[in-house]
Amino acid sequence: MRDEESLIAFYRSAVNGTEVHSIHTEAEGMALFPFFRRQMRVWLREGVRFITLQELAQEALAKRSEIPVYGIARSTLPGRAGQVTVSCLKTASG
């Protein structure tokens, strides 16, 4: 990204329904804390709601038949070295 505003806009556009955001204390908690604080303020201002994983599980289990089933695969991502584990929606063929 060319600047922090672009990065904040990218992350905001990526929030689509229920998302899990991992916080890395060595990055967001330290070196990137001012940026992370700005990102959180944007999300809160725009109505993003934060819940615990327990609340997320309770909501999902209340509608168990609607829970999508995902597989996992190894893949590469732009800007990341090596391969990472990613989720992929399972299809009827597997």
PDB file of N, CA and C in Angstrom:
ATOM      1  N   MET A   1       0.837  -1.173   0.000  1.00  0.00           N
ATOM      2  CA  MET A   1       0.000   0.000   0.000  1.00  0.00           C
ATOM      3  C   MET A   1       0.888   1.244   0.000  1.00  0.00           C
ATOM      4  N   ARG A   2       0.406   2.288  -0.605  1.00  0.00           N
ATOM      5  CA  ARG A   2       1.236   3.488  -0.735  1.00  0.00           C
ATOM      6  C   ARG A   2       1.301   4.320   0.543  1.00  0.00           C
ATOM      7  N   ASP A   3       0.276   4.213   1.430  1.00  0.00           N
ATOM      8  CA  ASP A   3       0.290   4.962   2.678  1.00  0.00           C
ATOM      9  C   ASP A   3      -0.698   4.319   3.658  1.00  0.00           C
ATOM     10  N   GLU A   4      -0.709   4.825   4.899  1.00  0.00           N
ATOM     11  CA  GLU A   4      -1.581   4.242   5.922  1.00  0.00           C
ATOM     12  C   GLU A   4      -3.055   4.368   5.576  1.00  0.00           C
ATOM     13  N   GLU A   5      -3.451   5.479   4.969  1.00  0.00           N
ATOM     14  CA  GLU A   5      -4.859   5.660   4.614  1.00  0.00           C
ATOM     15  C   GLU A   5      -5.315   4.577   3.638  1.00  0.00           C
ATOM     16  N   SER A   6      -4.464   4.240   2.677  1.00  0.00           N
ATOM     17  CA  SER A   6      -4.794   3.180   1.719  1.00  0.00           C
ATOM     18  C   SER A   6      -4.914   1.841   2.421  1.00  0.00           C
ATOM     19  N   LEU A   7      -4.029   1.598   3.364  1.00  0.00           N
ATOM     20  CA  LEU A   7      -4.054   0.339   4.105  1.00  0.00           C
ATOM     21  C   LEU A   7      -5.310   0.244   4.964  1.00  0.00           C
ATOM     22  N   ILE A   8      -5.671   1.338   5.640  1.00  0.00           N
ATOM     23  CA  ILE A   8      -6.890   1.347   6.450  1.00  0.00           C
ATOM     24  C   ILE A   8      -8.111   1.118   5.564  1.00  0.00           C
ATOM     25  N   ALA A   9      -8.164   1.777   4.410  1.00  0.00           N
ATOM     26  CA  ALA A   9      -9.284   1.593   3.481  1.00  0.00           C
ATOM     27  C   ALA A   9      -9.344   0.159   2.977  1.00  0.00           C
ATOM     28  N   PHE A  10      -8.179  -0.448   2.702  1.00  0.00           N
ATOM     29  CA  PHE A  10      -8.144  -1.833   2.251  1.00  0.00           C
ATOM     30  C   PHE A  10      -8.714  -2.759   3.313  1.00  0.00           C
ATOM     31  N   TYR A  11      -8.244  -2.621   4.552  1.00  0.00           N
ATOM     32  CA  TYR A  11      -8.734  -3.486   5.623  1.00  0.00           C
ATOM     33  C   TYR A  11     -10.220  -3.259   5.885  1.00  0.00           C
ATOM     34  N   ARG A  12     -10.683  -2.032   5.788  1.00  0.00           N
ATOM     35  CA  ARG A  12     -12.111  -1.759   5.998  1.00  0.00           C
ATOM     36  C   ARG A  12     -12.933  -2.427   4.916  1.00  0.00           C
ATOM     37  N   SER A  13     -12.468  -2.382   3.673  1.00  0.00           N
ATOM     38  CA  SER A  13     -13.229  -3.014   2.591  1.00  0.00           C
ATOM     39  C   SER A  13     -13.199  -4.538   2.703  1.00  0.00           C
ATOM     40  N   ALA A  14     -12.219  -5.070   3.412  1.00  0.00           N
ATOM     41  CA  ALA A  14     -12.102  -6.526   3.564  1.00  0.00           C
ATOM     42  C   ALA A  14     -13.076  -7.078   4.594  1.00  0.00           C
ATOM     43  N   VAL A  15     -13.585  -6.217   5.486  1.00  0.00           N
ATOM     44  CA  VAL A  15     -14.546  -6.681   6.492  1.00  0.00           C
ATOM     45  C   VAL A  15     -15.868  -6.896   5.785  1.00  0.00           C
ATOM     46  N   ASN A  16     -16.251  -8.156   5.706  1.00  0.00           N
ATOM     47  CA  ASN A  16     -17.436  -8.533   4.947  1.00  0.00           C
ATOM     48  C   ASN A  16     -18.183  -9.595   5.746  1.00  0.00           C
ATOM     49  N   GLY A  17     -19.083  -9.160   6.591  1.00  0.00           N
ATOM     50  CA  GLY A  17     -19.768 -10.119   7.451  1.00  0.00           C
ATOM     51  C   GLY A  17     -18.924 -10.372   8.684  1.00  0.00           C
ATOM     52  N   THR A  18     -18.860 -11.611   9.093  1.00  0.00           N
ATOM     53  CA  THR A  18     -18.091 -11.964  10.284  1.00  0.00           C
ATOM     54  C   THR A  18     -16.661 -12.276   9.888  1.00  0.00           C
ATOM     55  N   GLU A  19     -15.731 -11.587  10.498  1.00  0.00           N
ATOM     56  CA  GLU A  19     -14.309 -11.786  10.234  1.00  0.00           C
ATOM     57  C   GLU A  19     -13.590 -12.011  11.554  1.00  0.00           C
ATOM     58  N   VAL A  20     -12.515 -12.756  11.512  1.00  0.00           N
ATOM     59  CA  VAL A  20     -11.648 -12.915  12.678  1.00  0.00           C
ATOM     60  C   VAL A  20     -10.378 -12.146  12.378  1.00  0.00           C
ATOM     61  N   HIS A  21     -10.039 -11.214  13.251  1.00  0.00           N
ATOM     62  CA  HIS A  21      -8.846 -10.389  13.057  1.00  0.00           C
ATOM     63  C   HIS A  21      -7.818 -10.794  14.099  1.00  0.00           C
ATOM     64  N   SER A  22      -6.702 -11.327  13.658  1.00  0.00           N
ATOM     65  CA  SER A  22      -5.635 -11.730  14.569  1.00  0.00           C
ATOM     66  C   SER A  22      -4.756 -10.539  14.894  1.00  0.00           C
ATOM     67  N   ILE A  23      -4.474 -10.373  16.153  1.00  0.00           N
ATOM     68  CA  ILE A  23      -3.609  -9.291  16.601  1.00  0.00           C
ATOM     69  C   ILE A  23      -2.272  -9.898  17.018  1.00  0.00           C
ATOM     70  N   HIS A  24      -1.208  -9.414  16.435  1.00  0.00           N
ATOM     71  CA  HIS A  24       0.141  -9.881  16.765  1.00  0.00           C
ATOM     72  C   HIS A  24       0.783  -8.837  17.682  1.00  0.00           C
ATOM     73  N   THR A  25       1.010  -9.208  18.917  1.00  0.00           N
ATOM     74  CA  THR A  25       1.507  -8.227  19.890  1.00  0.00           C
ATOM     75  C   THR A  25       2.837  -7.624  19.482  1.00  0.00           C
ATOM     76  N   GLU A  26       3.656  -8.377  18.762  1.00  0.00           N
ATOM     77  CA  GLU A  26       4.954  -7.831  18.373  1.00  0.00           C
ATOM     78  C   GLU A  26       4.834  -6.827  17.228  1.00  0.00           C
ATOM     79  N   ALA A  27       3.705  -6.791  16.548  1.00  0.00           N
ATOM     80  CA  ALA A  27       3.511  -5.837  15.443  1.00  0.00           C
ATOM     81  C   ALA A  27       2.485  -4.785  15.851  1.00  0.00           C
ATOM     82  N   GLU A  28       1.185  -5.150  15.795  1.00  0.00           N
ATOM     83  CA  GLU A  28       0.136  -4.177  16.116  1.00  0.00           C
ATOM     84  C   GLU A  28       0.257  -3.666  17.549  1.00  0.00           C
ATOM     85  N   GLY A  29       0.693  -4.503  18.450  1.00  0.00           N
ATOM     86  CA  GLY A  29       0.778  -4.101  19.847  1.00  0.00           C
ATOM     87  C   GLY A  29       1.974  -3.232  20.178  1.00  0.00           C
ATOM     88  N   MET A  30       2.939  -3.164  19.298  1.00  0.00           N
ATOM     89  CA  MET A  30       4.146  -2.395  19.585  1.00  0.00           C
ATOM     90  C   MET A  30       4.438  -1.426  18.433  1.00  0.00           C
ATOM     91  N   ALA A  31       5.182  -1.886  17.455  1.00  0.00           N
ATOM     92  CA  ALA A  31       5.656  -0.999  16.385  1.00  0.00           C
ATOM     93  C   ALA A  31       4.522  -0.349  15.594  1.00  0.00           C
ATOM     94  N   LEU A  32       3.410  -1.080  15.405  1.00  0.00           N
ATOM     95  CA  LEU A  32       2.313  -0.553  14.591  1.00  0.00           C
ATOM     96  C   LEU A  32       1.129  -0.080  15.423  1.00  0.00           C
ATOM     97  N   PHE A  33       1.330   0.106  16.718  1.00  0.00           N
ATOM     98  CA  PHE A  33       0.208   0.466  17.583  1.00  0.00           C
ATOM     99  C   PHE A  33      -0.506   1.743  17.153  1.00  0.00           C
ATOM    100  N   PRO A  34       0.176   2.843  16.810  1.00  0.00           N
ATOM    101  CA  PRO A  34      -0.558   4.046  16.371  1.00  0.00           C
ATOM    102  C   PRO A  34      -1.429   3.785  15.138  1.00  0.00           C
ATOM    103  N   PHE A  35      -0.905   3.016  14.187  1.00  0.00           N
ATOM    104  CA  PHE A  35      -1.689   2.666  13.000  1.00  0.00           C
ATOM    105  C   PHE A  35      -2.885   1.802  13.398  1.00  0.00           C
ATOM    106  N   PHE A  36      -2.655   0.801  14.232  1.00  0.00           N
ATOM    107  CA  PHE A  36      -3.723  -0.101  14.651  1.00  0.00           C
ATOM    108  C   PHE A  36      -4.828   0.670  15.378  1.00  0.00           C
ATOM    109  N   ARG A  37      -4.451   1.609  16.228  1.00  0.00           N
ATOM    110  CA  ARG A  37      -5.431   2.428  16.948  1.00  0.00           C
ATOM    111  C   ARG A  37      -6.287   3.212  15.944  1.00  0.00           C
ATOM    112  N   ARG A  38      -5.660   3.792  14.918  1.00  0.00           N
ATOM    113  CA  ARG A  38      -6.417   4.522  13.894  1.00  0.00           C
ATOM    114  C   ARG A  38      -7.378   3.593  13.159  1.00  0.00           C
ATOM    115  N   GLN A  39      -6.889   2.399  12.829  1.00  0.00           N
ATOM    116  CA  GLN A  39      -7.721   1.418  12.135  1.00  0.00           C
ATOM    117  C   GLN A  39      -8.932   1.051  12.989  1.00  0.00           C
ATOM    118  N   MET A  40      -8.722   0.815  14.274  1.00  0.00           N
ATOM    119  CA  MET A  40      -9.835   0.470  15.168  1.00  0.00           C
ATOM    120  C   MET A  40     -10.847   1.610  15.255  1.00  0.00           C
ATOM    121  N   ARG A  41     -10.366   2.844  15.318  1.00  0.00           N
ATOM    122  CA  ARG A  41     -11.277   3.994  15.390  1.00  0.00           C
ATOM    123  C   ARG A  41     -12.144   4.092  14.142  1.00  0.00           C
ATOM    124  N   VAL A  42     -11.561   3.828  12.973  1.00  0.00           N
ATOM    125  CA  VAL A  42     -12.333   3.844  11.723  1.00  0.00           C
ATOM    126  C   VAL A  42     -13.404   2.760  11.778  1.00  0.00           C
ATOM    127  N   TRP A  43     -13.005   1.557  12.154  1.00  0.00           N
ATOM    128  CA  TRP A  43     -13.978   0.459  12.217  1.00  0.00           C
ATOM    129  C   TRP A  43     -15.116   0.790  13.175  1.00  0.00           C
ATOM    130  N   LEU A  44     -14.797   1.286  14.357  1.00  0.00           N
ATOM    131  CA  LEU A  44     -15.830   1.617  15.338  1.00  0.00           C
ATOM    132  C   LEU A  44     -16.737   2.726  14.832  1.00  0.00           C
ATOM    133  N   ARG A  45     -16.155   3.747  14.219  1.00  0.00           N
ATOM    134  CA  ARG A  45     -16.938   4.865  13.682  1.00  0.00           C
ATOM    135  C   ARG A  45     -17.904   4.381  12.601  1.00  0.00           C
ATOM    136  N   GLU A  46     -17.484   3.382  11.833  1.00  0.00           N
ATOM    137  CA  GLU A  46     -18.308   2.883  10.735  1.00  0.00           C
ATOM    138  C   GLU A  46     -19.227   1.737  11.151  1.00  0.00           C
ATOM    139  N   GLY A  47     -19.282   1.454  12.444  1.00  0.00           N
ATOM    140  CA  GLY A  47     -20.259   0.484  12.934  1.00  0.00           C
ATOM    141  C   GLY A  47     -19.796  -0.955  13.019  1.00  0.00           C
ATOM    142  N   VAL A  48     -18.504  -1.218  12.822  1.00  0.00           N
ATOM    143  CA  VAL A  48     -18.018  -2.580  12.982  1.00  0.00           C
ATOM    144  C   VAL A  48     -18.191  -2.963  14.443  1.00  0.00           C
ATOM    145  N   ARG A  49     -18.744  -4.140  14.687  1.00  0.00           N
ATOM    146  CA  ARG A  49     -19.012  -4.617  16.033  1.00  0.00           C
ATOM    147  C   ARG A  49     -18.020  -5.718  16.375  1.00  0.00           C
ATOM    148  N   PHE A  50     -17.470  -5.644  17.556  1.00  0.00           N
ATOM    149  CA  PHE A  50     -16.498  -6.631  18.014  1.00  0.00           C
ATOM    150  C   PHE A  50     -17.153  -7.535  19.040  1.00  0.00           C
ATOM    151  N   ILE A  51     -16.986  -8.842  18.846  1.00  0.00           N
ATOM    152  CA  ILE A  51     -17.547  -9.808  19.777  1.00  0.00           C
ATOM    153  C   ILE A  51     -16.472 -10.815  20.149  1.00  0.00           C
ATOM    154  N   THR A  52     -16.733 -11.574  21.197  1.00  0.00           N
ATOM    155  CA  THR A  52     -15.784 -12.610  21.605  1.00  0.00           C
ATOM    156  C   THR A  52     -15.987 -13.855  20.743  1.00  0.00           C
ATOM    157  N   LEU A  53     -15.003 -14.728  20.739  1.00  0.00           N
ATOM    158  CA  LEU A  53     -15.155 -15.987  20.002  1.00  0.00           C
ATOM    159  C   LEU A  53     -16.276 -16.830  20.593  1.00  0.00           C
ATOM    160  N   GLN A  54     -16.514 -16.712  21.905  1.00  0.00           N
ATOM    161  CA  GLN A  54     -17.620 -17.436  22.524  1.00  0.00           C
ATOM    162  C   GLN A  54     -18.958 -16.958  21.952  1.00  0.00           C
ATOM    163  N   GLU A  55     -19.127 -15.641  21.812  1.00  0.00           N
ATOM    164  CA  GLU A  55     -20.359 -15.103  21.231  1.00  0.00           C
ATOM    165  C   GLU A  55     -20.515 -15.559  19.779  1.00  0.00           C
ATOM    166  N   LEU A  56     -19.416 -15.569  19.039  1.00  0.00           N
ATOM    167  CA  LEU A  56     -19.438 -16.017  17.651  1.00  0.00           C
ATOM    168  C   LEU A  56     -19.880 -17.476  17.567  1.00  0.00           C
ATOM    169  N   ALA A  57     -19.331 -18.316  18.447  1.00  0.00           N
ATOM    170  CA  ALA A  57     -19.699 -19.735  18.462  1.00  0.00           C
ATOM    171  C   ALA A  57     -21.172 -19.919  18.809  1.00  0.00           C
ATOM    172  N   GLN A  58     -21.673 -19.172  19.770  1.00  0.00           N
ATOM    173  CA  GLN A  58     -23.082 -19.289  20.155  1.00  0.00           C
ATOM    174  C   GLN A  58     -23.996 -18.896  19.004  1.00  0.00           C
ATOM    175  N   GLU A  59     -23.656 -17.818  18.301  1.00  0.00           N
ATOM    176  CA  GLU A  59     -24.454 -17.402  17.143  1.00  0.00           C
ATOM    177  C   GLU A  59     -24.443 -18.474  16.061  1.00  0.00           C
ATOM    178  N   ALA A  60     -23.270 -19.033  15.796  1.00  0.00           N
ATOM    179  CA  ALA A  60     -23.147 -20.052  14.749  1.00  0.00           C
ATOM    180  C   ALA A  60     -23.904 -21.323  15.122  1.00  0.00           C
ATOM    181  N   LEU A  61     -23.762 -21.767  16.361  1.00  0.00           N
ATOM    182  CA  LEU A  61     -24.405 -23.006  16.777  1.00  0.00           C
ATOM    183  C   LEU A  61     -25.924 -22.878  16.831  1.00  0.00           C
ATOM    184  N   ALA A  62     -26.430 -21.663  16.958  1.00  0.00           N
ATOM    185  CA  ALA A  62     -27.879 -21.457  16.924  1.00  0.00           C
ATOM    186  C   ALA A  62     -28.432 -21.728  15.524  1.00  0.00           C
ATOM    187  N   LYS A  63     -27.562 -21.663  14.512  1.00  0.00           N
ATOM    188  CA  LYS A  63     -27.952 -21.929  13.124  1.00  0.00           C
ATOM    189  C   LYS A  63     -26.980 -22.944  12.525  1.00  0.00           C
ATOM    190  N   ARG A  64     -26.823 -24.057  13.206  1.00  0.00           N
ATOM    191  CA  ARG A  64     -25.813 -25.067  12.844  1.00  0.00           C
ATOM    192  C   ARG A  64     -25.866 -25.471  11.367  1.00  0.00           C
ATOM    193  N   SER A  65     -27.046 -25.603  10.788  1.00  0.00           N
ATOM    194  CA  SER A  65     -27.152 -26.057   9.393  1.00  0.00           C
ATOM    195  C   SER A  65     -26.623 -25.033   8.397  1.00  0.00           C
ATOM    196  N   GLU A  66     -26.434 -23.782   8.832  1.00  0.00           N
ATOM    197  CA  GLU A  66     -25.947 -22.737   7.936  1.00  0.00           C
ATOM    198  C   GLU A  66     -24.430 -22.550   8.017  1.00  0.00           C
ATOM    199  N   ILE A  67     -23.764 -23.329   8.851  1.00  0.00           N
ATOM    200  CA  ILE A  67     -22.315 -23.177   9.007  1.00  0.00           C
ATOM    201  C   ILE A  67     -21.623 -23.723   7.758  1.00  0.00           C
ATOM    202  N   PRO A  68     -20.873 -22.879   7.027  1.00  0.00           N
ATOM    203  CA  PRO A  68     -20.167 -23.376   5.846  1.00  0.00           C
ATOM    204  C   PRO A  68     -19.002 -24.277   6.255  1.00  0.00           C
ATOM    205  N   VAL A  69     -18.685 -25.208   5.393  1.00  0.00           N
ATOM    206  CA  VAL A  69     -17.577 -26.120   5.653  1.00  0.00           C
ATOM    207  C   VAL A  69     -16.430 -25.738   4.731  1.00  0.00           C
ATOM    208  N   TYR A  70     -15.281 -25.479   5.322  1.00  0.00           N
ATOM    209  CA  TYR A  70     -14.109 -25.077   4.566  1.00  0.00           C
ATOM    210  C   TYR A  70     -13.018 -26.121   4.701  1.00  0.00           C
ATOM    211  N   GLY A  71     -12.239 -26.251   3.653  1.00  0.00           N
ATOM    212  CA  GLY A  71     -11.027 -27.036   3.706  1.00  0.00           C
ATOM    213  C   GLY A  71      -9.859 -26.087   3.913  1.00  0.00           C
ATOM    214  N   ILE A  72      -8.682 -26.634   4.017  1.00  0.00           N
ATOM    215  CA  ILE A  72      -7.497 -25.794   4.102  1.00  0.00           C
ATOM    216  C   ILE A  72      -6.518 -26.221   3.031  1.00  0.00           C
ATOM    217  N   ALA A  73      -5.686 -25.281   2.622  1.00  0.00           N
ATOM    218  CA  ALA A  73      -4.688 -25.549   1.587  1.00  0.00           C
ATOM    219  C   ALA A  73      -3.479 -24.669   1.856  1.00  0.00           C
ATOM    220  N   ARG A  74      -2.364 -25.009   1.262  1.00  0.00           N
ATOM    221  CA  ARG A  74      -1.165 -24.181   1.333  1.00  0.00           C
ATOM    222  C   ARG A  74      -1.140 -23.321   0.078  1.00  0.00           C
ATOM    223  N   SER A  75      -0.820 -22.034   0.256  1.00  0.00           N
ATOM    224  CA  SER A  75      -0.822 -21.110  -0.869  1.00  0.00           C
ATOM    225  C   SER A  75       0.163 -19.981  -0.587  1.00  0.00           C
ATOM    226  N   THR A  76       0.333 -19.123  -1.570  1.00  0.00           N
ATOM    227  CA  THR A  76       1.161 -17.938  -1.385  1.00  0.00           C
ATOM    228  C   THR A  76       0.253 -16.718  -1.384  1.00  0.00           C
ATOM    229  N   LEU A  77       0.690 -15.678  -0.700  1.00  0.00           N
ATOM    230  CA  LEU A  77      -0.043 -14.422  -0.656  1.00  0.00           C
ATOM    231  C   LEU A  77       0.902 -13.293  -1.025  1.00  0.00           C
ATOM    232  N   PRO A  78       0.414 -12.285  -1.745  1.00  0.00           N
ATOM    233  CA  PRO A  78       1.273 -11.155  -2.096  1.00  0.00           C
ATOM    234  C   PRO A  78       1.851 -10.508  -0.839  1.00  0.00           C
ATOM    235  N   GLY A  79       3.126 -10.247  -0.867  1.00  0.00           N
ATOM    236  CA  GLY A  79       3.783  -9.588   0.245  1.00  0.00           C
ATOM    237  C   GLY A  79       4.212 -10.502   1.373  1.00  0.00           C
ATOM    238  N   ARG A  80       3.913 -11.789   1.264  1.00  0.00           N
ATOM    239  CA  ARG A  80       4.295 -12.750   2.303  1.00  0.00           C
ATOM    240  C   ARG A  80       5.329 -13.711   1.732  1.00  0.00           C
ATOM    241  N   ALA A  81       6.335 -14.015   2.539  1.00  0.00           N
ATOM    242  CA  ALA A  81       7.362 -14.958   2.113  1.00  0.00           C
ATOM    243  C   ALA A  81       6.856 -16.387   2.299  1.00  0.00           C
ATOM    244  N   GLY A  82       7.172 -17.253   1.366  1.00  0.00           N
ATOM    245  CA  GLY A  82       6.818 -18.665   1.497  1.00  0.00           C
ATOM    246  C   GLY A  82       5.327 -18.905   1.398  1.00  0.00           C
ATOM    247  N   GLN A  83       4.943 -20.098   1.837  1.00  0.00           N
ATOM    248  CA  GLN A  83       3.537 -20.470   1.786  1.00  0.00           C
ATOM    249  C   GLN A  83       2.870 -20.265   3.140  1.00  0.00           C
ATOM    250  N   VAL A  84       1.561 -20.049   3.093  1.00  0.00           N
ATOM    251  CA  VAL A  84       0.744 -19.910   4.291  1.00  0.00           C
ATOM    252  C   VAL A  84      -0.447 -20.852   4.153  1.00  0.00           C
ATOM    253  N   THR A  85      -1.098 -21.140   5.262  1.00  0.00           N
ATOM    254  CA  THR A  85      -2.289 -21.946   5.226  1.00  0.00           C
ATOM    255  C   THR A  85      -3.490 -21.042   4.994  1.00  0.00           C
ATOM    256  N   VAL A  86      -4.324 -21.386   4.026  1.00  0.00           N
ATOM    257  CA  VAL A  86      -5.507 -20.594   3.697  1.00  0.00           C
ATOM    258  C   VAL A  86      -6.738 -21.498   3.703  1.00  0.00           C
ATOM    259  N   SER A  87      -7.892 -20.887   3.900  1.00  0.00           N
ATOM    260  CA  SER A  87      -9.138 -21.674   3.849  1.00  0.00           C
ATOM    261  C   SER A  87      -9.705 -21.606   2.446  1.00  0.00           C
ATOM    262  N   CYS A  88     -10.413 -22.655   2.080  1.00  0.00           N
ATOM    263  CA  CYS A  88     -11.064 -22.681   0.778  1.00  0.00           C
ATOM    264  C   CYS A  88     -12.392 -23.399   0.941  1.00  0.00           C
ATOM    265  N   LEU A  89     -13.433 -22.830   0.382  1.00  0.00           N
ATOM    266  CA  LEU A  89     -14.772 -23.399   0.476  1.00  0.00           C
ATOM    267  C   LEU A  89     -14.790 -24.750  -0.221  1.00  0.00           C
ATOM    268  N   LYS A  90     -15.311 -25.759   0.460  1.00  0.00           N
ATOM    269  CA  LYS A  90     -15.398 -27.077  -0.147  1.00  0.00           C
ATOM    270  C   LYS A  90     -16.537 -27.080  -1.165  1.00  0.00           C
ATOM    271  N   THR A  91     -16.317 -27.780  -2.252  1.00  0.00           N
ATOM    272  CA  THR A  91     -17.353 -27.914  -3.275  1.00  0.00           C
ATOM    273  C   THR A  91     -17.934 -29.325  -3.199  1.00  0.00           C
ATOM    274  N   ALA A  92     -18.958 -29.572  -3.987  1.00  0.00           N
ATOM    275  CA  ALA A  92     -19.589 -30.896  -3.995  1.00  0.00           C
ATOM    276  C   ALA A  92     -18.590 -31.972  -4.379  1.00  0.00           C
ATOM    277  N   SER A  93     -17.562 -31.606  -5.174  1.00  0.00           N
ATOM    278  CA  SER A  93     -16.587 -32.605  -5.620  1.00  0.00           C
ATOM    279  C   SER A  93     -15.439 -32.760  -4.627  1.00  0.00           C
ATOM    280  N   GLY A  94     -15.443 -32.002  -3.541  1.00  0.00           N
ATOM    281  CA  GLY A  94     -14.398 -32.244  -2.576  1.00  0.00           C
ATOM    282  C   GLY A  94     -13.827 -31.017  -2.001  1.00  0.00           C
TER     283      GLY A  94
END
